[in-house]
Amino acid sequence: MAISIGKLVFVCIFLILCVEMPRSLANEYVVGDKRGWSPGVDYHPWAYGKSFRVGDVLHFFYAPKVIDVASVDISSYALCDSNIKTFYKDNSGQTSITLDKSGPYYFISTSKQGCFEGLKLELHVI
C-alpha cells in the first residue's frame, strides 16, 4: 500500500510543528528585571507568581568577572557553597540558561559573600 505525497507532506509538517511549537511558546525572563543579577536583590518576590515551564530561558545580566552565576544542587544552594555540587558556572556577564526539564532549579553566586548578600534563586519548572 503506497502513501500518497499529500499524506507524506502532512506527516512531515505535523512532525515539524510538534518540535517547533513548544519552542515558540517558551518565555524569556531577565532575572531580577531592571536590577539584573546583583547583590541586595531579593529574588524570591521576583520569581513568585511566575509559571516557569520547560523550554523557558533565563537571562542573567551582571558585572563580568566580578559576579558569576552557577546552577547548583539544593545543598549548595542552602549552604551557599558551590564546592558541594555545581552543574554549570559562568562569569561572562551575560548568561542564558534554558530550563530543559521539570523540577527545581537552584542558582547562586559562587562567592559566599555574594550568595549571602542575596545572589541566590530557587525556582520550580512545570
PDB file of N, CA and C in Angstrom:
ATOM      1  N   MET A   1       0.839  -1.170   0.000  1.00  0.00           N
ATOM      2  CA  MET A   1       0.000   0.000   0.000  1.00  0.00           C
ATOM      3  C   MET A   1       0.889   1.239   0.000  1.00  0.00           C
ATOM      4  N   ALA A   2       0.712   2.086  -0.957  1.00  0.00           N
ATOM      5  CA  ALA A   2       1.544   3.268  -1.107  1.00  0.00           C
ATOM      6  C   ALA A   2       0.960   4.453  -0.336  1.00  0.00           C
ATOM      7  N   ILE A   3       1.850   5.282   0.179  1.00  0.00           N
ATOM      8  CA  ILE A   3       1.431   6.512   0.865  1.00  0.00           C
ATOM      9  C   ILE A   3       1.474   7.630  -0.159  1.00  0.00           C
ATOM     10  N   SER A   4       0.406   8.403  -0.217  1.00  0.00           N
ATOM     11  CA  SER A   4       0.370   9.497  -1.183  1.00  0.00           C
ATOM     12  C   SER A   4       1.319  10.616  -0.744  1.00  0.00           C
ATOM     13  N   ILE A   5       1.773  11.399  -1.699  1.00  0.00           N
ATOM     14  CA  ILE A   5       2.654  12.526  -1.434  1.00  0.00           C
ATOM     15  C   ILE A   5       1.978  13.510  -0.472  1.00  0.00           C
ATOM     16  N   GLY A   6       0.680  13.713  -0.646  1.00  0.00           N
ATOM     17  CA  GLY A   6      -0.059  14.640   0.223  1.00  0.00           C
ATOM     18  C   GLY A   6      -0.018  14.195   1.681  1.00  0.00           C
ATOM     19  N   LYS A   7      -0.206  12.901   1.925  1.00  0.00           N
ATOM     20  CA  LYS A   7      -0.154  12.384   3.302  1.00  0.00           C
ATOM     21  C   LYS A   7       1.254  12.505   3.873  1.00  0.00           C
ATOM     22  N   LEU A   8       2.252  12.247   3.057  1.00  0.00           N
ATOM     23  CA  LEU A   8       3.640  12.343   3.499  1.00  0.00           C
ATOM     24  C   LEU A   8       3.985  13.788   3.879  1.00  0.00           C
ATOM     25  N   VAL A   9       3.556  14.727   3.054  1.00  0.00           N
ATOM     26  CA  VAL A   9       3.788  16.146   3.352  1.00  0.00           C
ATOM     27  C   VAL A   9       3.069  16.520   4.643  1.00  0.00           C
ATOM     28  N   PHE A  10       1.836  16.066   4.826  1.00  0.00           N
ATOM     29  CA  PHE A  10       1.079  16.354   6.048  1.00  0.00           C
ATOM     30  C   PHE A  10       1.816  15.828   7.278  1.00  0.00           C
ATOM     31  N   VAL A  11       2.307  14.604   7.200  1.00  0.00           N
ATOM     32  CA  VAL A  11       3.027  13.998   8.332  1.00  0.00           C
ATOM     33  C   VAL A  11       4.292  14.793   8.631  1.00  0.00           C
ATOM     34  N   CYS A  12       5.021  15.187   7.605  1.00  0.00           N
ATOM     35  CA  CYS A  12       6.249  15.973   7.810  1.00  0.00           C
ATOM     36  C   CYS A  12       5.941  17.319   8.470  1.00  0.00           C
ATOM     37  N   ILE A  13       4.918  18.000   8.002  1.00  0.00           N
ATOM     38  CA  ILE A  13       4.537  19.291   8.597  1.00  0.00           C
ATOM     39  C   ILE A  13       4.102  19.099  10.045  1.00  0.00           C
ATOM     40  N   PHE A  14       3.334  18.061  10.302  1.00  0.00           N
ATOM     41  CA  PHE A  14       2.893  17.765  11.668  1.00  0.00           C
ATOM     42  C   PHE A  14       4.091  17.538  12.594  1.00  0.00           C
ATOM     43  N   LEU A  15       5.058  16.761  12.148  1.00  0.00           N
ATOM     44  CA  LEU A  15       6.245  16.492  12.969  1.00  0.00           C
ATOM     45  C   LEU A  15       7.057  17.763  13.226  1.00  0.00           C
ATOM     46  N   ILE A  16       7.195  18.594  12.227  1.00  0.00           N
ATOM     47  CA  ILE A  16       7.917  19.862  12.401  1.00  0.00           C
ATOM     48  C   ILE A  16       7.203  20.746  13.419  1.00  0.00           C
ATOM     49  N   LEU A  17       5.883  20.821  13.330  1.00  0.00           N
ATOM     50  CA  LEU A  17       5.119  21.620  14.291  1.00  0.00           C
ATOM     51  C   LEU A  17       5.244  21.074  15.708  1.00  0.00           C
ATOM     52  N   CYS A  18       5.279  19.768  15.841  1.00  0.00           N
ATOM     53  CA  CYS A  18       5.420  19.164  17.172  1.00  0.00           C
ATOM     54  C   CYS A  18       6.747  19.525  17.814  1.00  0.00           C
ATOM     55  N   VAL A  19       7.778  19.674  17.007  1.00  0.00           N
ATOM     56  CA  VAL A  19       9.103  20.028  17.524  1.00  0.00           C
ATOM     57  C   VAL A  19       9.206  21.528  17.767  1.00  0.00           C
ATOM     58  N   GLU A  20       8.736  22.328  16.833  1.00  0.00           N
ATOM     59  CA  GLU A  20       8.922  23.776  16.902  1.00  0.00           C
ATOM     60  C   GLU A  20       7.910  24.494  17.790  1.00  0.00           C
ATOM     61  N   MET A  21       6.707  23.987  17.917  1.00  0.00           N
ATOM     62  CA  MET A  21       5.674  24.691  18.664  1.00  0.00           C
ATOM     63  C   MET A  21       6.056  24.931  20.124  1.00  0.00           C
ATOM     64  N   PRO A  22       6.559  23.935  20.859  1.00  0.00           N
ATOM     65  CA  PRO A  22       6.932  24.206  22.249  1.00  0.00           C
ATOM     66  C   PRO A  22       7.995  25.297  22.374  1.00  0.00           C
ATOM     67  N   ARG A  23       8.932  25.363  21.422  1.00  0.00           N
ATOM     68  CA  ARG A  23       9.949  26.414  21.456  1.00  0.00           C
ATOM     69  C   ARG A  23       9.322  27.786  21.291  1.00  0.00           C
ATOM     70  N   SER A  24       8.341  27.893  20.420  1.00  0.00           N
ATOM     71  CA  SER A  24       7.730  29.193  20.172  1.00  0.00           C
ATOM     72  C   SER A  24       6.870  29.645  21.351  1.00  0.00           C
ATOM     73  N   LEU A  25       6.458  28.718  22.202  1.00  0.00           N
ATOM     74  CA  LEU A  25       5.653  29.065  23.366  1.00  0.00           C
ATOM     75  C   LEU A  25       6.504  29.391  24.581  1.00  0.00           C
ATOM     76  N   ALA A  26       7.809  29.231  24.475  1.00  0.00           N
ATOM     77  CA  ALA A  26       8.704  29.471  25.604  1.00  0.00           C
ATOM     78  C   ALA A  26       8.747  30.957  25.943  1.00  0.00           C
ATOM     79  N   ASN A  27       8.863  31.226  27.236  1.00  0.00           N
ATOM     80  CA  ASN A  27       9.030  32.598  27.711  1.00  0.00           C
ATOM     81  C   ASN A  27      10.503  32.861  27.989  1.00  0.00           C
ATOM     82  N   GLU A  28      10.887  34.115  27.887  1.00  0.00           N
ATOM     83  CA  GLU A  28      12.236  34.525  28.239  1.00  0.00           C
ATOM     84  C   GLU A  28      12.130  35.508  29.389  1.00  0.00           C
ATOM     85  N   TYR A  29      12.955  35.289  30.403  1.00  0.00           N
ATOM     86  CA  TYR A  29      12.921  36.114  31.611  1.00  0.00           C
ATOM     87  C   TYR A  29      14.297  36.716  31.861  1.00  0.00           C
ATOM     88  N   VAL A  30      14.326  38.002  32.172  1.00  0.00           N
ATOM     89  CA  VAL A  30      15.546  38.640  32.656  1.00  0.00           C
ATOM     90  C   VAL A  30      15.485  38.550  34.175  1.00  0.00           C
ATOM     91  N   VAL A  31      16.391  37.772  34.743  1.00  0.00           N
ATOM     92  CA  VAL A  31      16.393  37.552  36.184  1.00  0.00           C
ATOM     93  C   VAL A  31      16.629  38.885  36.890  1.00  0.00           C
ATOM     94  N   GLY A  32      15.712  39.238  37.786  1.00  0.00           N
ATOM     95  CA  GLY A  32      15.794  40.498  38.520  1.00  0.00           C
ATOM     96  C   GLY A  32      15.299  41.701  37.755  1.00  0.00           C
ATOM     97  N   ASP A  33      14.773  41.470  36.562  1.00  0.00           N
ATOM     98  CA  ASP A  33      14.287  42.551  35.699  1.00  0.00           C
ATOM     99  C   ASP A  33      15.357  43.626  35.537  1.00  0.00           C
ATOM    100  N   LYS A  34      15.044  44.889  35.808  1.00  0.00           N
ATOM    101  CA  LYS A  34      15.981  46.000  35.587  1.00  0.00           C
ATOM    102  C   LYS A  34      17.212  45.941  36.483  1.00  0.00           C
ATOM    103  N   ARG A  35      17.085  45.324  37.650  1.00  0.00           N
ATOM    104  CA  ARG A  35      18.221  45.262  38.584  1.00  0.00           C
ATOM    105  C   ARG A  35      19.200  44.147  38.237  1.00  0.00           C
ATOM    106  N   GLY A  36      18.765  43.209  37.406  1.00  0.00           N
ATOM    107  CA  GLY A  36      19.652  42.134  36.994  1.00  0.00           C
ATOM    108  C   GLY A  36      20.041  41.216  38.137  1.00  0.00           C
ATOM    109  N   TRP A  37      21.160  40.552  37.956  1.00  0.00           N
ATOM    110  CA  TRP A  37      21.710  39.613  38.945  1.00  0.00           C
ATOM    111  C   TRP A  37      22.753  40.387  39.731  1.00  0.00           C
ATOM    112  N   SER A  38      22.327  40.960  40.848  1.00  0.00           N
ATOM    113  CA  SER A  38      23.238  41.791  41.634  1.00  0.00           C
ATOM    114  C   SER A  38      22.933  41.658  43.124  1.00  0.00           C
ATOM    115  N   PRO A  39      23.950  41.859  43.963  1.00  0.00           N
ATOM    116  CA  PRO A  39      23.749  41.739  45.407  1.00  0.00           C
ATOM    117  C   PRO A  39      22.669  42.702  45.905  1.00  0.00           C
ATOM    118  N   GLY A  40      21.987  42.286  46.956  1.00  0.00           N
ATOM    119  CA  GLY A  40      20.985  43.142  47.576  1.00  0.00           C
ATOM    120  C   GLY A  40      19.589  43.016  46.985  1.00  0.00           C
ATOM    121  N   VAL A  41      19.434  42.211  45.943  1.00  0.00           N
ATOM    122  CA  VAL A  41      18.114  42.000  45.342  1.00  0.00           C
ATOM    123  C   VAL A  41      17.525  40.729  45.942  1.00  0.00           C
ATOM    124  N   ASP A  42      16.254  40.780  46.310  1.00  0.00           N
ATOM    125  CA  ASP A  42      15.571  39.593  46.823  1.00  0.00           C
ATOM    126  C   ASP A  42      14.879  38.923  45.639  1.00  0.00           C
ATOM    127  N   TYR A  43      15.362  37.772  45.241  1.00  0.00           N
ATOM    128  CA  TYR A  43      14.841  37.098  44.050  1.00  0.00           C
ATOM    129  C   TYR A  43      13.598  36.266  44.312  1.00  0.00           C
ATOM    130  N   HIS A  44      13.251  36.058  45.562  1.00  0.00           N
ATOM    131  CA  HIS A  44      12.016  35.309  45.861  1.00  0.00           C
ATOM    132  C   HIS A  44      10.784  36.051  45.339  1.00  0.00           C
ATOM    133  N   PRO A  45      10.633  37.347  45.627  1.00  0.00           N
ATOM    134  CA  PRO A  45       9.470  38.059  45.069  1.00  0.00           C
ATOM    135  C   PRO A  45       9.502  38.114  43.540  1.00  0.00           C
ATOM    136  N   TRP A  46      10.703  38.192  42.969  1.00  0.00           N
ATOM    137  CA  TRP A  46      10.799  38.230  41.512  1.00  0.00           C
ATOM    138  C   TRP A  46      10.240  36.939  40.912  1.00  0.00           C
ATOM    139  N   ALA A  47      10.576  35.800  41.490  1.00  0.00           N
ATOM    140  CA  ALA A  47      10.135  34.508  40.949  1.00  0.00           C
ATOM    141  C   ALA A  47       8.696  34.182  41.311  1.00  0.00           C
ATOM    142  N   TYR A  48       8.205  34.749  42.404  1.00  0.00           N
ATOM    143  CA  TYR A  48       6.873  34.425  42.900  1.00  0.00           C
ATOM    144  C   TYR A  48       5.804  34.795  41.863  1.00  0.00           C
ATOM    145  N   GLY A  49       4.908  33.878  41.608  1.00  0.00           N
ATOM    146  CA  GLY A  49       3.795  34.136  40.695  1.00  0.00           C
ATOM    147  C   GLY A  49       4.102  33.838  39.241  1.00  0.00           C
ATOM    148  N   LYS A  50       5.369  33.575  38.929  1.00  0.00           N
ATOM    149  CA  LYS A  50       5.713  33.217  37.560  1.00  0.00           C
ATOM    150  C   LYS A  50       5.563  31.704  37.397  1.00  0.00           C
ATOM    151  N   SER A  51       5.105  31.287  36.245  1.00  0.00           N
ATOM    152  CA  SER A  51       4.990  29.855  35.938  1.00  0.00           C
ATOM    153  C   SER A  51       6.097  29.491  34.964  1.00  0.00           C
ATOM    154  N   PHE A  52       7.178  28.981  35.500  1.00  0.00           N
ATOM    155  CA  PHE A  52       8.303  28.581  34.664  1.00  0.00           C
ATOM    156  C   PHE A  52       7.999  27.220  34.047  1.00  0.00           C
ATOM    157  N   ARG A  53       8.268  27.110  32.761  1.00  0.00           N
ATOM    158  CA  ARG A  53       7.964  25.879  32.026  1.00  0.00           C
ATOM    159  C   ARG A  53       9.211  25.388  31.294  1.00  0.00           C
ATOM    160  N   VAL A  54       9.204  24.109  30.985  1.00  0.00           N
ATOM    161  CA  VAL A  54      10.290  23.540  30.193  1.00  0.00           C
ATOM    162  C   VAL A  54      10.386  24.320  28.879  1.00  0.00           C
ATOM    163  N   GLY A  55      11.589  24.713  28.522  1.00  0.00           N
ATOM    164  CA  GLY A  55      11.821  25.496  27.306  1.00  0.00           C
ATOM    165  C   GLY A  55      12.007  26.973  27.568  1.00  0.00           C
ATOM    166  N   ASP A  56      11.549  27.466  28.731  1.00  0.00           N
ATOM    167  CA  ASP A  56      11.752  28.870  29.071  1.00  0.00           C
ATOM    168  C   ASP A  56      13.248  29.153  29.212  1.00  0.00           C
ATOM    169  N   VAL A  57      13.605  30.420  29.009  1.00  0.00           N
ATOM    170  CA  VAL A  57      15.006  30.821  29.071  1.00  0.00           C
ATOM    171  C   VAL A  57      15.172  31.907  30.127  1.00  0.00           C
ATOM    172  N   LEU A  58      16.184  31.739  30.979  1.00  0.00           N
ATOM    173  CA  LEU A  58      16.548  32.748  31.969  1.00  0.00           C
ATOM    174  C   LEU A  58      17.778  33.492  31.457  1.00  0.00           C
ATOM    175  N   HIS A  59      17.731  34.821  31.525  1.00  0.00           N
ATOM    176  CA  HIS A  59      18.872  35.649  31.150  1.00  0.00           C
ATOM    177  C   HIS A  59      19.378  36.326  32.408  1.00  0.00           C
ATOM    178  N   PHE A  60      20.618  36.064  32.756  1.00  0.00           N
ATOM    179  CA  PHE A  60      21.270  36.701  33.896  1.00  0.00           C
ATOM    180  C   PHE A  60      22.218  37.768  33.350  1.00  0.00           C
ATOM    181  N   PHE A  61      22.062  39.007  33.817  1.00  0.00           N
ATOM    182  CA  PHE A  61      22.959  40.102  33.428  1.00  0.00           C
ATOM    183  C   PHE A  61      23.630  40.621  34.698  1.00  0.00           C
ATOM    184  N   TYR A  62      24.966  40.738  34.660  1.00  0.00           N
ATOM    185  CA  TYR A  62      25.726  41.091  35.854  1.00  0.00           C
ATOM    186  C   TYR A  62      27.107  41.597  35.440  1.00  0.00           C
ATOM    187  N   ALA A  63      27.864  42.081  36.427  1.00  0.00           N
ATOM    188  CA  ALA A  63      29.214  42.582  36.164  1.00  0.00           C
ATOM    189  C   ALA A  63      30.131  41.403  35.824  1.00  0.00           C
ATOM    190  N   PRO A  64      30.676  41.368  34.609  1.00  0.00           N
ATOM    191  CA  PRO A  64      31.509  40.226  34.214  1.00  0.00           C
ATOM    192  C   PRO A  64      32.776  40.126  35.056  1.00  0.00           C
ATOM    193  N   LYS A  65      33.155  38.893  35.346  1.00  0.00           N
ATOM    194  CA  LYS A  65      34.349  38.527  36.098  1.00  0.00           C
ATOM    195  C   LYS A  65      34.347  39.049  37.537  1.00  0.00           C
ATOM    196  N   VAL A  66      33.324  39.817  37.925  1.00  0.00           N
ATOM    197  CA  VAL A  66      33.178  40.281  39.305  1.00  0.00           C
ATOM    198  C   VAL A  66      32.139  39.422  40.012  1.00  0.00           C
ATOM    199  N   ILE A  67      31.056  39.155  39.304  1.00  0.00           N
ATOM    200  CA  ILE A  67      29.951  38.331  39.800  1.00  0.00           C
ATOM    201  C   ILE A  67      29.847  37.139  38.858  1.00  0.00           C
ATOM    202  N   ASP A  68      29.313  36.046  39.336  1.00  0.00           N
ATOM    203  CA  ASP A  68      29.067  34.903  38.476  1.00  0.00           C
ATOM    204  C   ASP A  68      27.710  34.299  38.812  1.00  0.00           C
ATOM    205  N   VAL A  69      27.322  33.317  38.040  1.00  0.00           N
ATOM    206  CA  VAL A  69      26.093  32.573  38.303  1.00  0.00           C
ATOM    207  C   VAL A  69      26.416  31.099  38.123  1.00  0.00           C
ATOM    208  N   ALA A  70      25.921  30.293  39.057  1.00  0.00           N
ATOM    209  CA  ALA A  70      26.147  28.852  38.990  1.00  0.00           C
ATOM    210  C   ALA A  70      24.837  28.128  39.221  1.00  0.00           C
ATOM    211  N   SER A  71      24.625  27.078  38.461  1.00  0.00           N
ATOM    212  CA  SER A  71      23.499  26.175  38.674  1.00  0.00           C
ATOM    213  C   SER A  71      24.015  25.088  39.612  1.00  0.00           C
ATOM    214  N   VAL A  72      23.324  24.923  40.753  1.00  0.00           N
ATOM    215  CA  VAL A  72      23.817  24.021  41.795  1.00  0.00           C
ATOM    216  C   VAL A  72      22.705  23.114  42.309  1.00  0.00           C
ATOM    217  N   ASP A  73      23.076  22.183  43.177  1.00  0.00           N
ATOM    218  CA  ASP A  73      22.073  21.327  43.811  1.00  0.00           C
ATOM    219  C   ASP A  73      21.527  22.022  45.060  1.00  0.00           C
ATOM    220  N   ILE A  74      20.552  21.404  45.703  1.00  0.00           N
ATOM    221  CA  ILE A  74      19.875  22.029  46.838  1.00  0.00           C
ATOM    222  C   ILE A  74      20.813  22.251  48.027  1.00  0.00           C
ATOM    223  N   SER A  75      21.754  21.345  48.251  1.00  0.00           N
ATOM    224  CA  SER A  75      22.690  21.522  49.370  1.00  0.00           C
ATOM    225  C   SER A  75      23.585  22.732  49.152  1.00  0.00           C
ATOM    226  N   SER A  76      24.119  22.863  47.943  1.00  0.00           N
ATOM    227  CA  SER A  76      24.952  24.018  47.616  1.00  0.00           C
ATOM    228  C   SER A  76      24.159  25.311  47.767  1.00  0.00           C
ATOM    229  N   TYR A  77      22.913  25.279  47.325  1.00  0.00           N
ATOM    230  CA  TYR A  77      22.037  26.445  47.436  1.00  0.00           C
ATOM    231  C   TYR A  77      21.810  26.816  48.898  1.00  0.00           C
ATOM    232  N   ALA A  78      21.443  25.841  49.703  1.00  0.00           N
ATOM    233  CA  ALA A  78      21.114  26.103  51.109  1.00  0.00           C
ATOM    234  C   ALA A  78      22.315  26.619  51.884  1.00  0.00           C
ATOM    235  N   LEU A  79      23.507  26.111  51.572  1.00  0.00           N
ATOM    236  CA  LEU A  79      24.713  26.473  52.319  1.00  0.00           C
ATOM    237  C   LEU A  79      25.558  27.552  51.644  1.00  0.00           C
ATOM    238  N   CYS A  80      25.110  28.018  50.467  1.00  0.00           N
ATOM    239  CA  CYS A  80      25.917  28.972  49.681  1.00  0.00           C
ATOM    240  C   CYS A  80      27.324  28.427  49.481  1.00  0.00           C
ATOM    241  N   ASP A  81      27.404  27.165  49.100  1.00  0.00           N
ATOM    242  CA  ASP A  81      28.699  26.503  48.935  1.00  0.00           C
ATOM    243  C   ASP A  81      28.729  25.777  47.594  1.00  0.00           C
ATOM    244  N   SER A  82      29.392  26.379  46.617  1.00  0.00           N
ATOM    245  CA  SER A  82      29.433  25.798  45.277  1.00  0.00           C
ATOM    246  C   SER A  82      30.383  24.608  45.187  1.00  0.00           C
ATOM    247  N   ASN A  83      31.126  24.327  46.245  1.00  0.00           N
ATOM    248  CA  ASN A  83      32.050  23.188  46.226  1.00  0.00           C
ATOM    249  C   ASN A  83      31.328  21.851  46.385  1.00  0.00           C
ATOM    250  N   ILE A  84      30.071  21.876  46.804  1.00  0.00           N
ATOM    251  CA  ILE A  84      29.336  20.623  47.009  1.00  0.00           C
ATOM    252  C   ILE A  84      28.957  20.017  45.665  1.00  0.00           C
ATOM    253  N   LYS A  85      28.171  20.734  44.866  1.00  0.00           N
ATOM    254  CA  LYS A  85      27.757  20.209  43.557  1.00  0.00           C
ATOM    255  C   LYS A  85      27.348  21.373  42.656  1.00  0.00           C
ATOM    256  N   THR A  86      28.174  21.643  41.659  1.00  0.00           N
ATOM    257  CA  THR A  86      27.881  22.688  40.681  1.00  0.00           C
ATOM    258  C   THR A  86      27.713  22.036  39.317  1.00  0.00           C
ATOM    259  N   PHE A  87      26.590  22.341  38.658  1.00  0.00           N
ATOM    260  CA  PHE A  87      26.309  21.786  37.341  1.00  0.00           C
ATOM    261  C   PHE A  87      26.846  22.676  36.223  1.00  0.00           C
ATOM    262  N   TYR A  88      26.799  23.991  36.451  1.00  0.00           N
ATOM    263  CA  TYR A  88      27.180  24.950  35.422  1.00  0.00           C
ATOM    264  C   TYR A  88      27.598  26.236  36.108  1.00  0.00           C
ATOM    265  N   LYS A  89      28.617  26.893  35.562  1.00  0.00           N
ATOM    266  CA  LYS A  89      29.084  28.161  36.135  1.00  0.00           C
ATOM    267  C   LYS A  89      29.547  29.065  34.998  1.00  0.00           C
ATOM    268  N   ASP A  90      29.234  30.366  35.118  1.00  0.00           N
ATOM    269  CA  ASP A  90      29.657  31.329  34.102  1.00  0.00           C
ATOM    270  C   ASP A  90      29.882  32.681  34.763  1.00  0.00           C
ATOM    271  N   ASN A  91      30.887  33.424  34.276  1.00  0.00           N
ATOM    272  CA  ASN A  91      31.138  34.768  34.782  1.00  0.00           C
ATOM    273  C   ASN A  91      31.306  35.776  33.645  1.00  0.00           C
ATOM    274  N   SER A  92      30.661  35.500  32.518  1.00  0.00           N
ATOM    275  CA  SER A  92      30.805  36.335  31.325  1.00  0.00           C
ATOM    276  C   SER A  92      30.050  37.662  31.410  1.00  0.00           C
ATOM    277  N   GLY A  93      29.098  37.757  32.334  1.00  0.00           N
ATOM    278  CA  GLY A  93      28.278  38.967  32.441  1.00  0.00           C
ATOM    279  C   GLY A  93      26.927  38.832  31.772  1.00  0.00           C
ATOM    280  N   GLN A  94      26.794  37.858  30.888  1.00  0.00           N
ATOM    281  CA  GLN A  94      25.529  37.600  30.199  1.00  0.00           C
ATOM    282  C   GLN A  94      25.368  36.094  30.064  1.00  0.00           C
ATOM    283  N   THR A  95      24.576  35.520  30.933  1.00  0.00           N
ATOM    284  CA  THR A  95      24.381  34.077  30.938  1.00  0.00           C
ATOM    285  C   THR A  95      22.927  33.776  30.609  1.00  0.00           C
ATOM    286  N   SER A  96      22.723  32.905  29.640  1.00  0.00           N
ATOM    287  CA  SER A  96      21.371  32.461  29.297  1.00  0.00           C
ATOM    288  C   SER A  96      21.287  30.967  29.570  1.00  0.00           C
ATOM    289  N   ILE A  97      20.245  30.588  30.305  1.00  0.00           N
ATOM    290  CA  ILE A  97      20.050  29.189  30.661  1.00  0.00           C
ATOM    291  C   ILE A  97      18.654  28.765  30.243  1.00  0.00           C
ATOM    292  N   THR A  98      18.587  27.715  29.441  1.00  0.00           N
ATOM    293  CA  THR A  98      17.302  27.151  29.042  1.00  0.00           C
ATOM    294  C   THR A  98      16.887  26.117  30.071  1.00  0.00           C
ATOM    295  N   LEU A  99      15.681  26.239  30.571  1.00  0.00           N
ATOM    296  CA  LEU A  99      15.137  25.301  31.551  1.00  0.00           C
ATOM    297  C   LEU A  99      14.673  24.070  30.778  1.00  0.00           C
ATOM    298  N   ASP A 100      15.483  23.020  30.806  1.00  0.00           N
ATOM    299  CA  ASP A 100      15.255  21.890  29.912  1.00  0.00           C
ATOM    300  C   ASP A 100      14.556  20.693  30.538  1.00  0.00           C
ATOM    301  N   LYS A 101      14.198  20.795  31.807  1.00  0.00           N
ATOM    302  CA  LYS A 101      13.459  19.701  32.445  1.00  0.00           C
ATOM    303  C   LYS A 101      12.600  20.270  33.565  1.00  0.00           C
ATOM    304  N   SER A 102      11.580  19.530  33.940  1.00  0.00           N
ATOM    305  CA  SER A 102      10.729  19.987  35.038  1.00  0.00           C
ATOM    306  C   SER A 102      11.408  19.680  36.362  1.00  0.00           C
ATOM    307  N   GLY A 103      10.995  20.412  37.390  1.00  0.00           N
ATOM    308  CA  GLY A 103      11.552  20.212  38.717  1.00  0.00           C
ATOM    309  C   GLY A 103      12.204  21.471  39.240  1.00  0.00           C
ATOM    310  N   PRO A 104      12.882  21.360  40.380  1.00  0.00           N
ATOM    311  CA  PRO A 104      13.504  22.529  40.990  1.00  0.00           C
ATOM    312  C   PRO A 104      14.831  22.889  40.317  1.00  0.00           C
ATOM    313  N   TYR A 105      15.120  24.171  40.292  1.00  0.00           N
ATOM    314  CA  TYR A 105      16.405  24.704  39.827  1.00  0.00           C
ATOM    315  C   TYR A 105      16.925  25.616  40.923  1.00  0.00           C
ATOM    316  N   TYR A 106      18.242  25.596  41.107  1.00  0.00           N
ATOM    317  CA  TYR A 106      18.882  26.419  42.134  1.00  0.00           C
ATOM    318  C   TYR A 106      20.072  27.136  41.503  1.00  0.00           C
ATOM    319  N   PHE A 107      20.125  28.451  41.715  1.00  0.00           N
ATOM    320  CA  PHE A 107      21.213  29.269  41.190  1.00  0.00           C
ATOM    321  C   PHE A 107      21.794  30.088  42.329  1.00  0.00           C
ATOM    322  N   ILE A 108      23.118  30.205  42.340  1.00  0.00           N
ATOM    323  CA  ILE A 108      23.800  31.035  43.336  1.00  0.00           C
ATOM    324  C   ILE A 108      24.982  31.730  42.679  1.00  0.00           C
ATOM    325  N   SER A 109      25.540  32.703  43.391  1.00  0.00           N
ATOM    326  CA  SER A 109      26.864  33.217  43.078  1.00  0.00           C
ATOM    327  C   SER A 109      27.838  32.327  43.825  1.00  0.00           C
ATOM    328  N   THR A 110      28.941  31.970  43.191  1.00  0.00           N
ATOM    329  CA  THR A 110      29.904  31.100  43.872  1.00  0.00           C
ATOM    330  C   THR A 110      30.705  31.846  44.925  1.00  0.00           C
ATOM    331  N   SER A 111      30.614  33.158  44.946  1.00  0.00           N
ATOM    332  CA  SER A 111      31.201  33.943  46.027  1.00  0.00           C
ATOM    333  C   SER A 111      30.269  33.826  47.230  1.00  0.00           C
ATOM    334  N   LYS A 112      30.787  33.295  48.353  1.00  0.00           N
ATOM    335  CA  LYS A 112      29.921  33.152  49.534  1.00  0.00           C
ATOM    336  C   LYS A 112      29.331  34.493  49.937  1.00  0.00           C
ATOM    337  N   GLN A 113      30.136  35.552  49.879  1.00  0.00           N
ATOM    338  CA  GLN A 113      29.631  36.869  50.244  1.00  0.00           C
ATOM    339  C   GLN A 113      28.485  37.275  49.322  1.00  0.00           C
ATOM    340  N   GLY A 114      28.657  37.074  48.013  1.00  0.00           N
ATOM    341  CA  GLY A 114      27.593  37.407  47.069  1.00  0.00           C
ATOM    342  C   GLY A 114      26.340  36.593  47.321  1.00  0.00           C
ATOM    343  N   CYS A 115      26.523  35.313  47.578  1.00  0.00           N
ATOM    344  CA  CYS A 115      25.376  34.444  47.849  1.00  0.00           C
ATOM    345  C   CYS A 115      24.653  34.885  49.117  1.00  0.00           C
ATOM    346  N   PHE A 116      25.409  35.170  50.180  1.00  0.00           N
ATOM    347  CA  PHE A 116      24.785  35.612  51.425  1.00  0.00           C
ATOM    348  C   PHE A 116      24.160  37.004  51.294  1.00  0.00           C
ATOM    349  N   GLU A 117      24.600  37.785  50.302  1.00  0.00           N
ATOM    350  CA  GLU A 117      24.008  39.104  50.045  1.00  0.00           C
ATOM    351  C   GLU A 117      22.807  39.010  49.117  1.00  0.00           C
ATOM    352  N   GLY A 118      22.356  37.785  48.814  1.00  0.00           N
ATOM    353  CA  GLY A 118      21.116  37.622  48.054  1.00  0.00           C
ATOM    354  C   GLY A 118      21.244  37.043  46.682  1.00  0.00           C
ATOM    355  N   LEU A 119      22.457  36.797  46.207  1.00  0.00           N
ATOM    356  CA  LEU A 119      22.610  36.241  44.869  1.00  0.00           C
ATOM    357  C   LEU A 119      22.328  34.750  44.881  1.00  0.00           C
ATOM    358  N   LYS A 120      21.043  34.442  45.043  1.00  0.00           N
ATOM    359  CA  LYS A 120      20.575  33.053  45.008  1.00  0.00           C
ATOM    360  C   LYS A 120      19.125  33.049  44.553  1.00  0.00           C
ATOM    361  N   LEU A 121      18.799  32.067  43.751  1.00  0.00           N
ATOM    362  CA  LEU A 121      17.468  31.973  43.175  1.00  0.00           C
ATOM    363  C   LEU A 121      17.048  30.516  43.150  1.00  0.00           C
ATOM    364  N   GLU A 122      15.856  30.277  43.645  1.00  0.00           N
ATOM    365  CA  GLU A 122      15.239  28.952  43.576  1.00  0.00           C
ATOM    366  C   GLU A 122      13.965  29.091  42.762  1.00  0.00           C
ATOM    367  N   LEU A 123      13.758  28.182  41.824  1.00  0.00           N
ATOM    368  CA  LEU A 123      12.501  28.194  41.091  1.00  0.00           C
ATOM    369  C   LEU A 123      12.121  26.777  40.719  1.00  0.00           C
ATOM    370  N   HIS A 124      10.841  26.608  40.414  1.00  0.00           N
ATOM    371  CA  HIS A 124      10.318  25.284  40.069  1.00  0.00           C
ATOM    372  C   HIS A 124       9.729  25.341  38.666  1.00  0.00           C
ATOM    373  N   VAL A 125      10.124  24.381  37.843  1.00  0.00           N
ATOM    374  CA  VAL A 125       9.697  24.319  36.449  1.00  0.00           C
ATOM    375  C   VAL A 125       8.647  23.230  36.312  1.00  0.00           C
ATOM    376  N   ILE A 126       7.556  23.587  35.623  1.00  0.00           N
ATOM    377  CA  ILE A 126       6.475  22.606  35.425  1.00  0.00           C
ATOM    378  C   ILE A 126       6.471  22.121  33.986  1.00  0.00           C
TER     379      ILE A 126
END
